[in-house]
Amino acid sequence: MKTTLAILLLLTLVTACAASVDRISFGKKCHTVSDVKDPGVERTTTSYIWFYNKKTGLPATSEQCPPKEIETKK
């Protein structure tokens, strides 16, 4: 079982190297874009792990994340 998991992990890492991904960024970041099909609507993608190309840079920032809504108990 350990051998199988090790091989799967190794294959995952090797296939990631073949992509045009140069950098990895950790931490909660968001990327907000306007929806092309529905003008006036913004779509936000949130993730804690970002893969990006060093030439184009990372478009996501923590400042783009929407503020956390605080739930109040009644």
N, C-alpha and C. Protein backbone atom coordinates (compact mmCIF):
# COMPACT_ATOMS: atom_id res chain seq x y z
N MET A 1 0.83 -1.19 0.00
CA MET A 1 0.00 0.00 0.00
C MET A 1 0.87 1.25 0.00
N LYS A 2 1.93 1.26 0.80
CA LYS A 2 2.82 2.42 0.84
C LYS A 2 3.50 2.63 -0.50
N THR A 3 3.86 1.53 -1.15
CA THR A 3 4.52 1.62 -2.45
C THR A 3 3.59 2.22 -3.49
N THR A 4 2.34 1.81 -3.47
CA THR A 4 1.36 2.33 -4.42
C THR A 4 1.16 3.83 -4.21
N LEU A 5 1.01 4.25 -2.98
CA LEU A 5 0.84 5.68 -2.69
C LEU A 5 2.08 6.47 -3.08
N ALA A 6 3.25 5.91 -2.85
CA ALA A 6 4.49 6.60 -3.21
C ALA A 6 4.60 6.76 -4.72
N ILE A 7 4.22 5.74 -5.47
CA ILE A 7 4.26 5.82 -6.94
C ILE A 7 3.26 6.85 -7.45
N LEU A 8 2.04 6.86 -6.88
CA LEU A 8 1.04 7.84 -7.30
C LEU A 8 1.49 9.27 -7.00
N LEU A 9 2.10 9.46 -5.84
CA LEU A 9 2.60 10.77 -5.49
C LEU A 9 3.72 11.20 -6.42
N LEU A 10 4.61 10.29 -6.73
CA LEU A 10 5.71 10.58 -7.64
C LEU A 10 5.20 10.92 -9.03
N LEU A 11 4.23 10.18 -9.53
CA LEU A 11 3.66 10.47 -10.84
C LEU A 11 2.97 11.83 -10.87
N THR A 12 2.30 12.17 -9.78
CA THR A 12 1.65 13.48 -9.69
C THR A 12 2.67 14.60 -9.75
N LEU A 13 3.76 14.44 -9.03
CA LEU A 13 4.79 15.47 -9.04
C LEU A 13 5.49 15.57 -10.39
N VAL A 14 5.70 14.45 -11.05
CA VAL A 14 6.37 14.46 -12.35
C VAL A 14 5.49 15.10 -13.41
N THR A 15 4.20 14.83 -13.39
CA THR A 15 3.31 15.43 -14.38
C THR A 15 3.17 16.92 -14.16
N ALA A 16 3.28 17.37 -12.93
CA ALA A 16 3.21 18.80 -12.66
C ALA A 16 4.44 19.52 -13.22
N CYS A 17 5.55 18.83 -13.30
CA CYS A 17 6.78 19.44 -13.85
C CYS A 17 6.69 19.66 -15.35
N ALA A 18 5.87 18.88 -16.02
CA ALA A 18 5.76 18.99 -17.48
C ALA A 18 4.93 20.20 -17.90
N ALA A 19 4.16 20.75 -17.01
CA ALA A 19 3.32 21.90 -17.33
C ALA A 19 4.16 23.18 -17.36
N SER A 20 3.55 24.24 -17.80
CA SER A 20 4.26 25.52 -17.87
C SER A 20 4.14 26.29 -16.55
N VAL A 21 4.19 25.57 -15.46
CA VAL A 21 4.10 26.17 -14.14
C VAL A 21 5.51 26.33 -13.58
N ASP A 22 5.85 27.57 -13.27
CA ASP A 22 7.18 27.84 -12.74
C ASP A 22 7.19 28.07 -11.24
N ARG A 23 6.08 28.53 -10.71
CA ARG A 23 6.04 28.93 -9.31
C ARG A 23 4.80 28.37 -8.62
N ILE A 24 4.92 28.24 -7.30
CA ILE A 24 3.80 27.83 -6.46
C ILE A 24 3.70 28.84 -5.33
N SER A 25 2.49 29.29 -5.04
CA SER A 25 2.28 30.23 -3.95
C SER A 25 1.28 29.63 -2.97
N PHE A 26 1.57 29.76 -1.68
CA PHE A 26 0.70 29.25 -0.64
C PHE A 26 0.08 30.41 0.12
N GLY A 27 -1.11 30.21 0.62
CA GLY A 27 -1.82 31.23 1.38
C GLY A 27 -3.11 31.58 0.68
N LYS A 28 -4.10 32.02 1.43
CA LYS A 28 -5.40 32.34 0.85
C LYS A 28 -5.30 33.58 -0.02
N LYS A 29 -5.66 33.38 -1.28
CA LYS A 29 -5.69 34.48 -2.24
C LYS A 29 -6.94 34.33 -3.10
N CYS A 30 -7.37 35.43 -3.67
CA CYS A 30 -8.56 35.41 -4.51
C CYS A 30 -8.27 36.13 -5.81
N HIS A 31 -8.99 35.74 -6.85
CA HIS A 31 -8.87 36.39 -8.16
C HIS A 31 -10.28 36.72 -8.62
N THR A 32 -10.56 38.00 -8.82
CA THR A 32 -11.88 38.45 -9.20
C THR A 32 -11.85 38.96 -10.63
N VAL A 33 -12.78 38.47 -11.45
CA VAL A 33 -12.89 38.91 -12.85
C VAL A 33 -14.35 39.21 -13.15
N SER A 34 -14.57 40.08 -14.13
CA SER A 34 -15.92 40.37 -14.59
C SER A 34 -16.39 39.25 -15.50
N ASP A 35 -17.65 38.88 -15.37
CA ASP A 35 -18.22 37.81 -16.18
C ASP A 35 -18.53 38.36 -17.57
N VAL A 36 -18.04 37.68 -18.59
CA VAL A 36 -18.24 38.13 -19.97
C VAL A 36 -19.69 37.93 -20.39
N LYS A 37 -20.29 36.83 -20.00
CA LYS A 37 -21.66 36.53 -20.41
C LYS A 37 -22.70 37.33 -19.66
N ASP A 38 -22.38 37.77 -18.45
CA ASP A 38 -23.33 38.51 -17.63
C ASP A 38 -22.67 39.79 -17.13
N PRO A 39 -22.77 40.88 -17.91
CA PRO A 39 -22.10 42.13 -17.52
C PRO A 39 -22.60 42.64 -16.16
N GLY A 40 -21.68 43.17 -15.39
CA GLY A 40 -22.02 43.70 -14.08
C GLY A 40 -21.85 42.68 -12.97
N VAL A 41 -21.58 41.43 -13.32
CA VAL A 41 -21.41 40.38 -12.33
C VAL A 41 -19.92 40.02 -12.25
N GLU A 42 -19.41 39.94 -11.04
CA GLU A 42 -18.01 39.57 -10.85
C GLU A 42 -17.93 38.16 -10.27
N ARG A 43 -16.97 37.38 -10.78
CA ARG A 43 -16.74 36.02 -10.30
C ARG A 43 -15.43 35.99 -9.52
N THR A 44 -15.44 35.36 -8.35
CA THR A 44 -14.26 35.29 -7.51
C THR A 44 -13.84 33.84 -7.33
N THR A 45 -12.56 33.57 -7.58
CA THR A 45 -11.97 32.26 -7.35
C THR A 45 -11.07 32.36 -6.13
N THR A 46 -11.26 31.47 -5.17
CA THR A 46 -10.49 31.47 -3.93
C THR A 46 -9.74 30.15 -3.79
N SER A 47 -8.46 30.24 -3.39
CA SER A 47 -7.67 29.04 -3.18
C SER A 47 -6.55 29.32 -2.19
N TYR A 48 -6.02 28.25 -1.60
CA TYR A 48 -4.89 28.36 -0.69
C TYR A 48 -3.58 27.95 -1.36
N ILE A 49 -3.67 27.32 -2.54
CA ILE A 49 -2.49 26.92 -3.31
C ILE A 49 -2.68 27.41 -4.74
N TRP A 50 -1.71 28.19 -5.24
CA TRP A 50 -1.77 28.75 -6.58
C TRP A 50 -0.54 28.33 -7.38
N PHE A 51 -0.76 27.82 -8.58
CA PHE A 51 0.30 27.50 -9.52
C PHE A 51 0.28 28.56 -10.60
N TYR A 52 1.43 29.16 -10.90
CA TYR A 52 1.44 30.23 -11.89
C TYR A 52 2.77 30.28 -12.63
N ASN A 53 2.78 31.01 -13.74
CA ASN A 53 3.96 31.18 -14.57
C ASN A 53 4.68 32.45 -14.12
N LYS A 54 6.00 32.38 -13.97
CA LYS A 54 6.74 33.54 -13.48
C LYS A 54 6.74 34.70 -14.47
N LYS A 55 6.54 34.42 -15.76
CA LYS A 55 6.51 35.50 -16.75
C LYS A 55 5.22 36.31 -16.67
N THR A 56 4.09 35.63 -16.47
CA THR A 56 2.81 36.33 -16.41
C THR A 56 2.49 36.81 -15.00
N GLY A 57 3.08 36.18 -14.00
CA GLY A 57 2.84 36.58 -12.61
C GLY A 57 1.56 35.98 -12.05
N LEU A 58 1.36 36.21 -10.79
CA LEU A 58 0.18 35.69 -10.09
C LEU A 58 -0.88 36.79 -10.04
N PRO A 59 -2.02 36.58 -10.71
CA PRO A 59 -3.06 37.61 -10.71
C PRO A 59 -3.85 37.68 -9.40
N ALA A 60 -3.77 36.65 -8.58
CA ALA A 60 -4.55 36.60 -7.35
C ALA A 60 -3.82 37.30 -6.21
N THR A 61 -4.58 38.00 -5.38
CA THR A 61 -4.02 38.65 -4.20
C THR A 61 -4.99 38.45 -3.02
N SER A 62 -4.48 38.64 -1.83
CA SER A 62 -5.36 38.51 -0.66
C SER A 62 -6.31 39.70 -0.55
N GLU A 63 -5.95 40.82 -1.17
CA GLU A 63 -6.82 42.01 -1.13
C GLU A 63 -8.08 41.82 -1.97
N GLN A 64 -8.05 40.92 -2.95
CA GLN A 64 -9.22 40.70 -3.80
C GLN A 64 -10.27 39.82 -3.13
N CYS A 65 -9.93 39.21 -2.00
CA CYS A 65 -10.88 38.34 -1.31
C CYS A 65 -12.01 39.18 -0.70
N PRO A 66 -13.24 38.71 -0.86
CA PRO A 66 -14.35 39.45 -0.26
C PRO A 66 -14.26 39.40 1.26
N PRO A 67 -14.74 40.44 1.92
CA PRO A 67 -14.70 40.43 3.39
C PRO A 67 -15.56 39.30 3.94
N LYS A 68 -15.10 38.74 5.04
CA LYS A 68 -15.81 37.63 5.66
C LYS A 68 -17.05 38.19 6.38
N GLU A 69 -18.19 37.57 6.08
CA GLU A 69 -19.42 38.01 6.72
C GLU A 69 -19.51 37.39 8.10
N ILE A 70 -19.82 38.20 9.08
CA ILE A 70 -19.93 37.73 10.46
C ILE A 70 -21.37 37.38 10.73
N GLU A 71 -21.58 36.12 11.12
CA GLU A 71 -22.93 35.69 11.45
C GLU A 71 -23.25 36.05 12.89
N THR A 72 -24.41 36.58 13.10
CA THR A 72 -24.84 36.93 14.46
C THR A 72 -25.95 35.98 14.87
N LYS A 73 -25.87 35.51 16.10
CA LYS A 73 -26.91 34.63 16.62
C LYS A 73 -28.03 35.47 17.21
N LYS A 74 -29.26 35.06 16.92
CA LYS A 74 -30.41 35.78 17.46
C LYS A 74 -31.11 34.95 18.50
